Amino acid sequence: MILPRKGREETKEDLSSLHGPFDLPALKRKVQSLQTTGILPEFVEKLQPVSIEDLEDLKRRYASLIIQLDRLRPGLAAANALTPSTDGTWSIKETLGHLIDSDRDIWWPRIEALLREEHPSFAEVDHQELVRAHDWQSQPLDDILGQCIRDRWGYAMRLNELAPDAWERSGDHEALGEICILHIVQLLVAHDEHYLAKLREMIEATAADE
């Protein structure tokens, strides 16, 4: 539920009042049991009530991936020169590709369904399989960065056009249960923060080896 800032502390109301019971510990356990979700328990903790005024900050944080990736571009190019990891973790290109997949193939199709349908249901998508299918490692780094930045710009512009009540349009997600557009953007912001940290770690590892 989107709360007005005034009286927010007095009501102690949360998203469960409109979107079903939202038991965060239970959600984290369920997420841990579904290995293909790409949703980490720490992302679930970001699903909190926000005021209408807070929506502007949330939209800004979603769009900020563009600036952060641009700032990291020189370091990403240097880190990408290393041999891709052989321990099962993603390379620089695959991590960036996963950010694209998460917007383009996983969450924005769900947002679009929420906007045009009444309470749609969402089957889980295997994010690992998407990375393999798109073969991000074979593509030029600059092309991947360009796709990521262009896609995020377009999606951020679409968020700016949403009416406040659209953020509460909801459907049913296999792992999370009742989920609305607000939840999705909160998850994507948490997802960005997690993978930006991973990218910075790879950049720092490269610098340490020089």
N, C-alpha and C. Protein backbone atom coordinates (compact mmCIF):
# COMPACT_ATOMS: atom_id res chain seq x y z
N MET A 1 0.85 -1.20 0.00
CA MET A 1 0.00 0.00 0.00
C MET A 1 0.88 1.24 0.00
N ILE A 2 0.53 2.25 -0.77
CA ILE A 2 1.25 3.51 -0.77
C ILE A 2 0.59 4.42 0.26
N LEU A 3 1.35 4.82 1.25
CA LEU A 3 0.80 5.59 2.36
C LEU A 3 1.07 7.08 2.18
N PRO A 4 0.13 7.93 2.58
CA PRO A 4 0.45 9.36 2.64
C PRO A 4 1.48 9.57 3.73
N ARG A 5 2.41 10.51 3.53
CA ARG A 5 3.46 10.71 4.53
C ARG A 5 2.86 11.10 5.87
N LYS A 6 1.90 12.01 5.89
CA LYS A 6 1.29 12.43 7.13
C LYS A 6 0.54 11.27 7.75
N GLY A 7 0.81 10.99 9.02
CA GLY A 7 0.10 9.93 9.71
C GLY A 7 0.64 8.55 9.45
N ARG A 8 1.73 8.47 8.67
CA ARG A 8 2.27 7.15 8.33
C ARG A 8 2.72 6.38 9.57
N GLU A 9 3.38 7.09 10.50
CA GLU A 9 3.85 6.43 11.72
C GLU A 9 2.69 6.08 12.64
N GLU A 10 1.61 6.86 12.56
CA GLU A 10 0.47 6.61 13.44
C GLU A 10 -0.28 5.35 13.03
N THR A 11 -0.42 5.12 11.73
CA THR A 11 -1.24 4.00 11.29
C THR A 11 -0.52 2.67 11.40
N LYS A 12 0.83 2.67 11.23
CA LYS A 12 1.61 1.43 11.22
C LYS A 12 1.07 0.44 10.19
N GLU A 13 0.42 0.97 9.16
CA GLU A 13 -0.18 0.12 8.15
C GLU A 13 0.90 -0.36 7.18
N ASP A 14 0.76 -1.54 6.64
CA ASP A 14 1.77 -2.02 5.70
C ASP A 14 1.12 -2.61 4.46
N LEU A 15 1.98 -3.16 3.57
CA LEU A 15 1.48 -3.65 2.30
C LEU A 15 0.48 -4.78 2.44
N SER A 16 0.53 -5.51 3.57
CA SER A 16 -0.35 -6.66 3.72
C SER A 16 -1.82 -6.26 3.78
N SER A 17 -2.11 -5.00 4.10
CA SER A 17 -3.51 -4.60 4.24
C SER A 17 -4.24 -4.66 2.90
N LEU A 18 -3.51 -4.47 1.80
CA LEU A 18 -4.15 -4.54 0.49
C LEU A 18 -3.72 -5.76 -0.31
N HIS A 19 -2.58 -6.31 0.00
CA HIS A 19 -2.00 -7.33 -0.87
C HIS A 19 -1.76 -8.66 -0.16
N GLY A 20 -2.59 -8.98 0.82
CA GLY A 20 -2.48 -10.27 1.47
C GLY A 20 -1.41 -10.30 2.54
N PRO A 21 -1.34 -11.37 3.32
CA PRO A 21 -0.34 -11.46 4.39
C PRO A 21 1.06 -11.41 3.81
N PHE A 22 1.91 -10.60 4.42
CA PHE A 22 3.27 -10.44 3.91
C PHE A 22 4.24 -10.80 5.03
N ASP A 23 4.45 -12.10 5.23
CA ASP A 23 5.30 -12.63 6.28
C ASP A 23 6.73 -12.73 5.74
N LEU A 24 7.58 -11.74 6.07
CA LEU A 24 8.92 -11.70 5.48
C LEU A 24 9.77 -12.93 5.82
N PRO A 25 9.81 -13.43 7.06
CA PRO A 25 10.60 -14.65 7.31
C PRO A 25 10.11 -15.84 6.48
N ALA A 26 8.78 -15.99 6.36
CA ALA A 26 8.25 -17.09 5.55
C ALA A 26 8.62 -16.92 4.08
N LEU A 27 8.57 -15.69 3.60
CA LEU A 27 8.94 -15.43 2.21
C LEU A 27 10.40 -15.78 1.97
N LYS A 28 11.26 -15.42 2.89
CA LYS A 28 12.68 -15.72 2.71
C LYS A 28 12.92 -17.22 2.67
N ARG A 29 12.20 -17.95 3.52
CA ARG A 29 12.35 -19.42 3.49
C ARG A 29 11.88 -19.98 2.16
N LYS A 30 10.77 -19.46 1.65
CA LYS A 30 10.25 -19.95 0.38
C LYS A 30 11.21 -19.61 -0.76
N VAL A 31 11.75 -18.40 -0.75
CA VAL A 31 12.70 -17.99 -1.78
C VAL A 31 13.93 -18.90 -1.76
N GLN A 32 14.40 -19.24 -0.57
CA GLN A 32 15.57 -20.11 -0.46
C GLN A 32 15.30 -21.49 -1.03
N SER A 33 14.05 -21.90 -1.03
CA SER A 33 13.70 -23.24 -1.53
C SER A 33 13.55 -23.28 -3.04
N LEU A 34 13.47 -22.12 -3.69
CA LEU A 34 13.32 -22.05 -5.14
C LEU A 34 14.64 -21.56 -5.73
N GLN A 35 15.45 -22.47 -6.22
CA GLN A 35 16.81 -22.15 -6.61
C GLN A 35 16.91 -21.33 -7.89
N THR A 36 15.87 -21.31 -8.71
CA THR A 36 15.97 -20.63 -10.00
C THR A 36 15.44 -19.20 -9.97
N THR A 37 14.96 -18.72 -8.85
CA THR A 37 14.26 -17.44 -8.84
C THR A 37 15.15 -16.25 -9.13
N GLY A 38 16.41 -16.27 -8.68
CA GLY A 38 17.24 -15.08 -8.77
C GLY A 38 16.87 -14.04 -7.72
N ILE A 39 15.90 -14.35 -6.85
CA ILE A 39 15.49 -13.45 -5.77
C ILE A 39 16.18 -13.92 -4.50
N LEU A 40 16.99 -13.07 -3.90
CA LEU A 40 17.66 -13.41 -2.66
C LEU A 40 16.82 -12.96 -1.48
N PRO A 41 16.93 -13.66 -0.35
CA PRO A 41 16.16 -13.25 0.83
C PRO A 41 16.38 -11.78 1.19
N GLU A 42 17.59 -11.27 0.98
CA GLU A 42 17.85 -9.87 1.32
C GLU A 42 17.03 -8.91 0.47
N PHE A 43 16.65 -9.35 -0.76
CA PHE A 43 15.81 -8.50 -1.60
C PHE A 43 14.41 -8.38 -1.00
N VAL A 44 13.91 -9.48 -0.44
CA VAL A 44 12.57 -9.49 0.13
C VAL A 44 12.44 -8.48 1.25
N GLU A 45 13.54 -8.26 1.99
CA GLU A 45 13.51 -7.32 3.11
C GLU A 45 13.27 -5.88 2.65
N LYS A 46 13.43 -5.62 1.36
CA LYS A 46 13.21 -4.27 0.84
C LYS A 46 11.73 -3.97 0.60
N LEU A 47 10.87 -4.96 0.73
CA LEU A 47 9.44 -4.76 0.46
C LEU A 47 8.77 -4.10 1.65
N GLN A 48 8.84 -2.79 1.69
CA GLN A 48 8.31 -2.02 2.80
C GLN A 48 7.33 -0.97 2.30
N PRO A 49 6.45 -0.48 3.19
CA PRO A 49 5.54 0.59 2.78
C PRO A 49 6.31 1.85 2.39
N VAL A 50 5.78 2.61 1.45
CA VAL A 50 6.36 3.90 1.09
C VAL A 50 5.25 4.93 0.97
N SER A 51 5.62 6.19 1.16
CA SER A 51 4.66 7.26 0.95
C SER A 51 4.66 7.65 -0.52
N ILE A 52 3.67 8.44 -0.91
CA ILE A 52 3.63 8.92 -2.29
C ILE A 52 4.89 9.73 -2.59
N GLU A 53 5.34 10.52 -1.60
CA GLU A 53 6.56 11.30 -1.80
C GLU A 53 7.77 10.40 -1.99
N ASP A 54 7.79 9.25 -1.31
CA ASP A 54 8.91 8.32 -1.42
C ASP A 54 9.02 7.70 -2.80
N LEU A 55 7.93 7.69 -3.56
CA LEU A 55 7.97 7.11 -4.90
C LEU A 55 9.00 7.81 -5.78
N GLU A 56 9.14 9.11 -5.60
CA GLU A 56 10.10 9.85 -6.42
C GLU A 56 11.52 9.36 -6.15
N ASP A 57 11.83 9.11 -4.89
CA ASP A 57 13.16 8.60 -4.55
C ASP A 57 13.35 7.19 -5.11
N LEU A 58 12.31 6.36 -5.04
CA LEU A 58 12.41 5.00 -5.56
C LEU A 58 12.65 5.02 -7.07
N LYS A 59 11.94 5.88 -7.79
CA LYS A 59 12.14 6.01 -9.23
C LYS A 59 13.55 6.51 -9.54
N ARG A 60 14.02 7.45 -8.74
CA ARG A 60 15.37 7.96 -8.95
C ARG A 60 16.42 6.87 -8.75
N ARG A 61 16.22 6.05 -7.72
CA ARG A 61 17.17 4.97 -7.46
C ARG A 61 17.14 3.92 -8.57
N TYR A 62 15.96 3.66 -9.11
CA TYR A 62 15.87 2.72 -10.22
C TYR A 62 16.63 3.25 -11.44
N ALA A 63 16.48 4.54 -11.73
CA ALA A 63 17.15 5.14 -12.89
C ALA A 63 18.64 5.30 -12.66
N SER A 64 19.09 5.34 -11.41
CA SER A 64 20.49 5.63 -11.12
C SER A 64 21.45 4.55 -11.60
N LEU A 65 20.94 3.38 -11.96
CA LEU A 65 21.82 2.34 -12.52
C LEU A 65 22.56 2.88 -13.74
N ILE A 66 21.93 3.74 -14.52
CA ILE A 66 22.53 4.29 -15.73
C ILE A 66 23.81 5.05 -15.38
N ILE A 67 23.72 5.94 -14.40
CA ILE A 67 24.88 6.75 -14.00
C ILE A 67 25.96 5.88 -13.38
N GLN A 68 25.54 4.93 -12.55
CA GLN A 68 26.53 4.10 -11.86
C GLN A 68 27.30 3.22 -12.84
N LEU A 69 26.62 2.67 -13.83
CA LEU A 69 27.33 1.86 -14.83
C LEU A 69 28.26 2.71 -15.67
N ASP A 70 27.83 3.92 -16.00
CA ASP A 70 28.69 4.79 -16.79
C ASP A 70 29.97 5.13 -16.02
N ARG A 71 29.83 5.35 -14.73
CA ARG A 71 31.01 5.64 -13.91
C ARG A 71 31.94 4.44 -13.80
N LEU A 72 31.36 3.25 -13.81
CA LEU A 72 32.16 2.04 -13.69
C LEU A 72 32.77 1.58 -15.01
N ARG A 73 32.37 2.19 -16.11
CA ARG A 73 32.75 1.71 -17.44
C ARG A 73 34.25 1.46 -17.60
N PRO A 74 35.14 2.39 -17.22
CA PRO A 74 36.58 2.11 -17.40
C PRO A 74 37.04 0.90 -16.60
N GLY A 75 36.57 0.79 -15.36
CA GLY A 75 36.95 -0.35 -14.54
C GLY A 75 36.39 -1.66 -15.05
N LEU A 76 35.18 -1.60 -15.61
CA LEU A 76 34.58 -2.81 -16.16
C LEU A 76 35.38 -3.31 -17.36
N ALA A 77 35.85 -2.38 -18.19
CA ALA A 77 36.63 -2.79 -19.35
C ALA A 77 37.92 -3.47 -18.92
N ALA A 78 38.56 -2.93 -17.88
CA ALA A 78 39.80 -3.53 -17.39
C ALA A 78 39.53 -4.90 -16.77
N ALA A 79 38.48 -5.00 -15.98
CA ALA A 79 38.17 -6.28 -15.33
C ALA A 79 37.75 -7.33 -16.34
N ASN A 80 37.08 -6.90 -17.40
CA ASN A 80 36.64 -7.83 -18.42
C ASN A 80 37.79 -8.46 -19.18
N ALA A 81 38.97 -7.81 -19.14
CA ALA A 81 40.13 -8.35 -19.83
C ALA A 81 40.64 -9.63 -19.18
N LEU A 82 40.22 -9.85 -17.94
CA LEU A 82 40.62 -11.09 -17.26
C LEU A 82 39.89 -12.29 -17.87
N THR A 83 40.46 -13.46 -17.73
CA THR A 83 39.80 -14.68 -18.16
C THR A 83 38.52 -14.88 -17.36
N PRO A 84 37.38 -15.20 -18.00
CA PRO A 84 36.13 -15.42 -17.25
C PRO A 84 36.30 -16.47 -16.16
N SER A 85 35.58 -16.27 -15.08
CA SER A 85 35.67 -17.19 -13.94
C SER A 85 35.31 -18.61 -14.35
N THR A 86 36.01 -19.55 -13.75
CA THR A 86 35.72 -20.97 -14.01
C THR A 86 35.10 -21.64 -12.79
N ASP A 87 34.77 -20.86 -11.78
CA ASP A 87 34.24 -21.46 -10.54
C ASP A 87 32.72 -21.43 -10.49
N GLY A 88 32.09 -21.16 -11.62
CA GLY A 88 30.62 -21.17 -11.66
C GLY A 88 29.99 -19.82 -11.44
N THR A 89 30.79 -18.81 -11.07
CA THR A 89 30.24 -17.47 -10.91
C THR A 89 30.22 -16.76 -12.25
N TRP A 90 29.41 -15.70 -12.35
CA TRP A 90 29.29 -14.98 -13.60
C TRP A 90 30.47 -14.05 -13.84
N SER A 91 30.79 -13.85 -15.11
CA SER A 91 31.79 -12.88 -15.52
C SER A 91 31.17 -11.48 -15.51
N ILE A 92 32.00 -10.48 -15.81
CA ILE A 92 31.50 -9.11 -15.96
C ILE A 92 30.36 -9.06 -16.98
N LYS A 93 30.58 -9.62 -18.14
CA LYS A 93 29.57 -9.58 -19.20
C LYS A 93 28.29 -10.30 -18.79
N GLU A 94 28.43 -11.45 -18.15
CA GLU A 94 27.26 -12.22 -17.75
C GLU A 94 26.48 -11.51 -16.65
N THR A 95 27.18 -10.84 -15.75
CA THR A 95 26.50 -10.08 -14.70
C THR A 95 25.70 -8.93 -15.29
N LEU A 96 26.31 -8.21 -16.22
CA LEU A 96 25.58 -7.14 -16.91
C LEU A 96 24.41 -7.71 -17.72
N GLY A 97 24.65 -8.84 -18.37
CA GLY A 97 23.58 -9.47 -19.13
C GLY A 97 22.41 -9.87 -18.23
N HIS A 98 22.73 -10.32 -17.03
CA HIS A 98 21.67 -10.68 -16.09
C HIS A 98 20.83 -9.46 -15.71
N LEU A 99 21.46 -8.30 -15.57
CA LEU A 99 20.70 -7.07 -15.30
C LEU A 99 19.73 -6.77 -16.45
N ILE A 100 20.20 -6.99 -17.68
CA ILE A 100 19.32 -6.79 -18.84
C ILE A 100 18.18 -7.80 -18.82
N ASP A 101 18.52 -9.08 -18.61
CA ASP A 101 17.49 -10.13 -18.58
C ASP A 101 16.44 -9.84 -17.52
N SER A 102 16.88 -9.36 -16.37
CA SER A 102 15.95 -9.12 -15.26
C SER A 102 14.92 -8.07 -15.61
N ASP A 103 15.36 -7.02 -16.30
CA ASP A 103 14.42 -6.00 -16.77
C ASP A 103 13.60 -6.51 -17.95
N ARG A 104 14.28 -6.92 -19.00
CA ARG A 104 13.66 -7.16 -20.30
C ARG A 104 12.82 -8.43 -20.36
N ASP A 105 13.31 -9.49 -19.74
CA ASP A 105 12.68 -10.80 -19.90
C ASP A 105 11.94 -11.30 -18.66
N ILE A 106 12.20 -10.70 -17.51
CA ILE A 106 11.58 -11.22 -16.28
C ILE A 106 10.58 -10.22 -15.71
N TRP A 107 11.04 -9.05 -15.27
CA TRP A 107 10.17 -8.19 -14.48
C TRP A 107 9.33 -7.22 -15.27
N TRP A 108 9.85 -6.67 -16.38
CA TRP A 108 9.00 -5.74 -17.12
C TRP A 108 7.85 -6.41 -17.85
N PRO A 109 8.01 -7.62 -18.37
CA PRO A 109 6.81 -8.31 -18.88
C PRO A 109 5.75 -8.49 -17.80
N ARG A 110 6.17 -8.67 -16.57
CA ARG A 110 5.22 -8.80 -15.47
C ARG A 110 4.56 -7.46 -15.17
N ILE A 111 5.35 -6.39 -15.16
CA ILE A 111 4.76 -5.06 -14.95
C ILE A 111 3.73 -4.76 -16.02
N GLU A 112 4.06 -5.07 -17.27
CA GLU A 112 3.13 -4.82 -18.37
C GLU A 112 1.85 -5.64 -18.20
N ALA A 113 2.00 -6.89 -17.74
CA ALA A 113 0.82 -7.72 -17.50
C ALA A 113 -0.03 -7.14 -16.38
N LEU A 114 0.59 -6.63 -15.34
CA LEU A 114 -0.15 -6.03 -14.24
C LEU A 114 -0.93 -4.80 -14.69
N LEU A 115 -0.37 -4.06 -15.63
CA LEU A 115 -1.04 -2.84 -16.10
C LEU A 115 -2.23 -3.13 -16.99
N ARG A 116 -2.21 -4.27 -17.70
CA ARG A 116 -3.30 -4.52 -18.65
C ARG A 116 -4.27 -5.61 -18.21
N GLU A 117 -3.89 -6.41 -17.20
CA GLU A 117 -4.73 -7.53 -16.78
C GLU A 117 -5.14 -7.37 -15.32
N GLU A 118 -6.20 -8.09 -14.96
CA GLU A 118 -6.63 -8.10 -13.57
C GLU A 118 -6.03 -9.30 -12.86
N HIS A 119 -5.13 -9.05 -11.98
CA HIS A 119 -4.50 -10.05 -11.11
C HIS A 119 -3.93 -11.24 -11.89
N PRO A 120 -2.94 -11.00 -12.76
CA PRO A 120 -2.31 -12.11 -13.48
C PRO A 120 -1.45 -12.96 -12.57
N SER A 121 -1.12 -14.16 -13.03
CA SER A 121 -0.22 -15.07 -12.32
C SER A 121 1.09 -15.18 -13.08
N PHE A 122 2.19 -15.29 -12.33
CA PHE A 122 3.51 -15.32 -12.94
C PHE A 122 4.25 -16.61 -12.60
N ALA A 123 4.57 -17.38 -13.64
CA ALA A 123 5.41 -18.56 -13.45
C ALA A 123 6.84 -18.11 -13.25
N GLU A 124 7.61 -18.95 -12.57
CA GLU A 124 9.00 -18.59 -12.32
C GLU A 124 9.82 -18.71 -13.59
N VAL A 125 10.85 -17.88 -13.70
CA VAL A 125 11.76 -17.87 -14.84
C VAL A 125 13.16 -18.24 -14.33
N ASP A 126 13.82 -19.13 -15.04
CA ASP A 126 15.17 -19.56 -14.66
C ASP A 126 16.18 -18.53 -15.17
N HIS A 127 16.69 -17.70 -14.26
CA HIS A 127 17.59 -16.63 -14.66
C HIS A 127 18.93 -17.17 -15.15
N GLN A 128 19.35 -18.31 -14.61
CA GLN A 128 20.60 -18.91 -15.08
C GLN A 128 20.47 -19.36 -16.54
N GLU A 129 19.34 -19.94 -16.87
CA GLU A 129 19.11 -20.40 -18.24
C GLU A 129 19.06 -19.22 -19.21
N LEU A 130 18.49 -18.10 -18.79
CA LEU A 130 18.47 -16.92 -19.65
C LEU A 130 19.88 -16.44 -19.96
N VAL A 131 20.75 -16.42 -18.96
CA VAL A 131 22.13 -15.99 -19.18
C VAL A 131 22.81 -16.92 -20.17
N ARG A 132 22.58 -18.22 -20.01
CA ARG A 132 23.19 -19.18 -20.95
C ARG A 132 22.62 -19.00 -22.35
N ALA A 133 21.31 -18.86 -22.46
CA ALA A 133 20.66 -18.77 -23.76
C ALA A 133 21.09 -17.53 -24.53
N HIS A 134 21.31 -16.43 -23.83
CA HIS A 134 21.70 -15.19 -24.50
C HIS A 134 23.20 -15.11 -24.76
N ASP A 135 23.95 -16.02 -24.17
CA ASP A 135 25.39 -16.11 -24.45
C ASP A 135 26.06 -14.74 -24.35
N TRP A 136 25.85 -14.08 -23.22
CA TRP A 136 26.38 -12.74 -23.03
C TRP A 136 27.90 -12.70 -23.16
N GLN A 137 28.56 -13.77 -22.75
CA GLN A 137 30.02 -13.77 -22.76
C GLN A 137 30.59 -13.60 -24.16
N SER A 138 29.84 -13.98 -25.18
CA SER A 138 30.35 -13.89 -26.56
C SER A 138 30.16 -12.50 -27.17
N GLN A 139 29.46 -11.62 -26.47
CA GLN A 139 29.13 -10.31 -27.05
C GLN A 139 30.12 -9.24 -26.56
N PRO A 140 30.36 -8.20 -27.37
CA PRO A 140 31.26 -7.12 -26.95
C PRO A 140 30.74 -6.42 -25.70
N LEU A 141 31.64 -6.08 -24.80
CA LEU A 141 31.26 -5.43 -23.56
C LEU A 141 30.51 -4.12 -23.82
N ASP A 142 31.00 -3.31 -24.75
CA ASP A 142 30.35 -2.03 -25.01
C ASP A 142 28.91 -2.21 -25.50
N ASP A 143 28.68 -3.27 -26.28
CA ASP A 143 27.32 -3.54 -26.75
C ASP A 143 26.40 -3.89 -25.59
N ILE A 144 26.91 -4.70 -24.66
CA ILE A 144 26.10 -5.10 -23.49
C ILE A 144 25.79 -3.89 -22.63
N LEU A 145 26.82 -3.07 -22.36
CA LEU A 145 26.60 -1.86 -21.57
C LEU A 145 25.59 -0.94 -22.25
N GLY A 146 25.70 -0.81 -23.57
CA GLY A 146 24.76 0.03 -24.30
C GLY A 146 23.33 -0.46 -24.18
N GLN A 147 23.15 -1.78 -24.30
CA GLN A 147 21.81 -2.35 -24.15
C GLN A 147 21.26 -2.10 -22.76
N CYS A 148 22.10 -2.31 -21.76
CA CYS A 148 21.66 -2.16 -20.37
C CYS A 148 21.23 -0.72 -20.09
N ILE A 149 22.03 0.22 -20.54
CA ILE A 149 21.73 1.64 -20.28
C ILE A 149 20.50 2.09 -21.07
N ARG A 150 20.41 1.69 -22.34
CA ARG A 150 19.23 2.08 -23.14
C ARG A 150 17.95 1.50 -22.58
N ASP A 151 18.00 0.21 -22.22
CA ASP A 151 16.79 -0.42 -21.67
C ASP A 151 16.36 0.25 -20.38
N ARG A 152 17.33 0.49 -19.48
CA ARG A 152 16.96 1.07 -18.19
C ARG A 152 16.42 2.48 -18.37
N TRP A 153 16.98 3.24 -19.29
CA TRP A 153 16.45 4.58 -19.54
C TRP A 153 14.99 4.51 -19.98
N GLY A 154 14.70 3.63 -20.92
CA GLY A 154 13.33 3.50 -21.39
C GLY A 154 12.37 3.06 -20.30
N TYR A 155 12.77 2.09 -19.50
CA TYR A 155 11.90 1.61 -18.43
C TYR A 155 11.73 2.67 -17.34
N ALA A 156 12.80 3.42 -17.05
CA ALA A 156 12.69 4.48 -16.04
C ALA A 156 11.70 5.55 -16.50
N MET A 157 11.71 5.87 -17.80
CA MET A 157 10.76 6.85 -18.32
C MET A 157 9.32 6.34 -18.17
N ARG A 158 9.13 5.04 -18.37
CA ARG A 158 7.79 4.48 -18.22
C ARG A 158 7.32 4.54 -16.77
N LEU A 159 8.22 4.32 -15.83
CA LEU A 159 7.84 4.43 -14.42
C LEU A 159 7.40 5.85 -14.10
N ASN A 160 8.07 6.83 -14.69
CA ASN A 160 7.71 8.22 -14.42
C ASN A 160 6.30 8.55 -14.88
N GLU A 161 5.78 7.78 -15.83
CA GLU A 161 4.45 8.04 -16.37
C GLU A 161 3.34 7.36 -15.58
N LEU A 162 3.69 6.48 -14.64
CA LEU A 162 2.67 5.74 -13.90
C LEU A 162 1.92 6.64 -12.92
N ALA A 163 0.61 6.50 -12.89
CA ALA A 163 -0.19 7.17 -11.87
C ALA A 163 0.06 6.50 -10.52
N PRO A 164 -0.07 7.21 -9.41
CA PRO A 164 0.19 6.61 -8.10
C PRO A 164 -0.57 5.32 -7.84
N ASP A 165 -1.86 5.25 -8.26
CA ASP A 165 -2.63 4.06 -7.98
C ASP A 165 -2.18 2.85 -8.81
N ALA A 166 -1.48 3.09 -9.92
CA ALA A 166 -1.00 1.98 -10.74
C ALA A 166 0.05 1.15 -10.02
N TRP A 167 0.77 1.78 -9.10
CA TRP A 167 1.83 1.08 -8.37
C TRP A 167 1.27 -0.04 -7.50
N GLU A 168 -0.03 0.01 -7.22
CA GLU A 168 -0.65 -1.01 -6.37
C GLU A 168 -1.34 -2.11 -7.15
N ARG A 169 -1.27 -2.09 -8.47
CA ARG A 169 -1.86 -3.17 -9.26
C ARG A 169 -1.09 -4.46 -8.96
N SER A 170 -1.82 -5.53 -8.67
CA SER A 170 -1.16 -6.72 -8.14
C SER A 170 -1.51 -7.98 -8.91
N GLY A 171 -0.64 -8.97 -8.74
CA GLY A 171 -0.83 -10.31 -9.29
C GLY A 171 -0.23 -11.33 -8.34
N ASP A 172 -0.13 -12.57 -8.80
CA ASP A 172 0.36 -13.64 -7.95
C ASP A 172 1.67 -14.19 -8.51
N HIS A 173 2.71 -14.15 -7.68
CA HIS A 173 4.04 -14.62 -8.06
C HIS A 173 4.32 -15.95 -7.38
N GLU A 174 4.92 -16.88 -8.12
CA GLU A 174 5.14 -18.23 -7.61
C GLU A 174 5.92 -18.25 -6.30
N ALA A 175 6.94 -17.40 -6.19
CA ALA A 175 7.77 -17.40 -4.98
C ALA A 175 7.26 -16.44 -3.92
N LEU A 176 6.78 -15.26 -4.35
CA LEU A 176 6.44 -14.20 -3.40
C LEU A 176 4.96 -14.10 -3.07
N GLY A 177 4.13 -14.82 -3.83
CA GLY A 177 2.69 -14.69 -3.60
C GLY A 177 2.19 -13.38 -4.19
N GLU A 178 1.36 -12.67 -3.42
CA GLU A 178 0.80 -11.40 -3.88
C GLU A 178 1.92 -10.38 -4.09
N ILE A 179 1.97 -9.79 -5.27
CA ILE A 179 3.03 -8.82 -5.56
C ILE A 179 2.46 -7.72 -6.44
N CYS A 180 2.88 -6.48 -6.18
CA CYS A 180 2.40 -5.35 -6.96
C CYS A 180 3.59 -4.66 -7.63
N ILE A 181 3.32 -3.67 -8.44
CA ILE A 181 4.38 -2.97 -9.16
C ILE A 181 5.35 -2.32 -8.18
N LEU A 182 4.84 -1.79 -7.09
CA LEU A 182 5.72 -1.22 -6.07
C LEU A 182 6.73 -2.26 -5.60
N HIS A 183 6.25 -3.47 -5.28
CA HIS A 183 7.16 -4.54 -4.85
C HIS A 183 8.22 -4.81 -5.90
N ILE A 184 7.80 -4.88 -7.14
CA ILE A 184 8.73 -5.23 -8.22
C ILE A 184 9.85 -4.20 -8.32
N VAL A 185 9.50 -2.93 -8.27
CA VAL A 185 10.54 -1.90 -8.39
C VAL A 185 11.45 -1.92 -7.17
N GLN A 186 10.89 -2.16 -5.98
CA GLN A 186 11.73 -2.30 -4.79
C GLN A 186 12.71 -3.47 -4.95
N LEU A 187 12.22 -4.58 -5.47
CA LEU A 187 13.09 -5.73 -5.70
C LEU A 187 14.18 -5.41 -6.71
N LEU A 188 13.82 -4.71 -7.79
CA LEU A 188 14.79 -4.38 -8.82
C LEU A 188 15.87 -3.44 -8.29
N VAL A 189 15.49 -2.50 -7.44
CA VAL A 189 16.48 -1.60 -6.84
C VAL A 189 17.44 -2.38 -5.94
N ALA A 190 16.90 -3.30 -5.13
CA ALA A 190 17.75 -4.14 -4.29
C ALA A 190 18.65 -5.04 -5.15
N HIS A 191 18.08 -5.56 -6.22
CA HIS A 191 18.81 -6.39 -7.17
C HIS A 191 19.96 -5.60 -7.79
N ASP A 192 19.71 -4.35 -8.21
CA ASP A 192 20.76 -3.50 -8.76
C ASP A 192 21.90 -3.32 -7.76
N GLU A 193 21.54 -3.00 -6.52
CA GLU A 193 22.56 -2.75 -5.50
C GLU A 193 23.44 -3.97 -5.29
N HIS A 194 22.81 -5.14 -5.29
CA HIS A 194 23.56 -6.39 -5.09
C HIS A 194 24.56 -6.62 -6.22
N TYR A 195 24.10 -6.47 -7.46
CA TYR A 195 24.99 -6.79 -8.59
C TYR A 195 25.97 -5.67 -8.90
N LEU A 196 25.65 -4.44 -8.55
CA LEU A 196 26.65 -3.38 -8.65
C LEU A 196 27.80 -3.66 -7.68
N ALA A 197 27.45 -4.15 -6.49
CA ALA A 197 28.50 -4.51 -5.54
C ALA A 197 29.37 -5.64 -6.08
N LYS A 198 28.75 -6.61 -6.76
CA LYS A 198 29.51 -7.70 -7.37
C LYS A 198 30.46 -7.17 -8.45
N LEU A 199 29.96 -6.24 -9.27
CA LEU A 199 30.80 -5.66 -10.31
C LEU A 199 31.98 -4.90 -9.71
N ARG A 200 31.72 -4.15 -8.65
CA ARG A 200 32.81 -3.42 -8.00
C ARG A 200 33.85 -4.37 -7.42
N GLU A 201 33.39 -5.49 -6.88
CA GLU A 201 34.32 -6.49 -6.35
C GLU A 201 35.23 -7.02 -7.46
N MET A 202 34.67 -7.26 -8.63
CA MET A 202 35.48 -7.75 -9.74
C MET A 202 36.48 -6.71 -10.22
N ILE A 203 36.05 -5.45 -10.22
CA ILE A 203 36.95 -4.36 -10.59
C ILE A 203 38.10 -4.27 -9.59
N GLU A 204 37.77 -4.33 -8.29
CA GLU A 204 38.79 -4.24 -7.26
C GLU A 204 39.76 -5.41 -7.32
N ALA A 205 39.24 -6.59 -7.64
CA ALA A 205 40.11 -7.76 -7.76
C ALA A 205 41.10 -7.59 -8.90
N THR A 206 40.64 -6.98 -9.99
CA THR A 206 41.53 -6.72 -11.12
C THR A 206 42.64 -5.75 -10.72
N ALA A 207 42.25 -4.67 -10.02
CA ALA A 207 43.24 -3.67 -9.61
C ALA A 207 44.27 -4.26 -8.66
N ALA A 208 43.82 -5.17 -7.79
CA ALA A 208 44.73 -5.79 -6.83
C ALA A 208 45.75 -6.69 -7.50
N ASP A 209 45.37 -7.26 -8.66
CA ASP A 209 46.26 -8.18 -9.37
C ASP A 209 47.28 -7.46 -10.25
N GLU A 210 47.06 -6.16 -10.45
CA GLU A 210 47.97 -5.43 -11.33
C GLU A 210 49.29 -5.10 -10.63
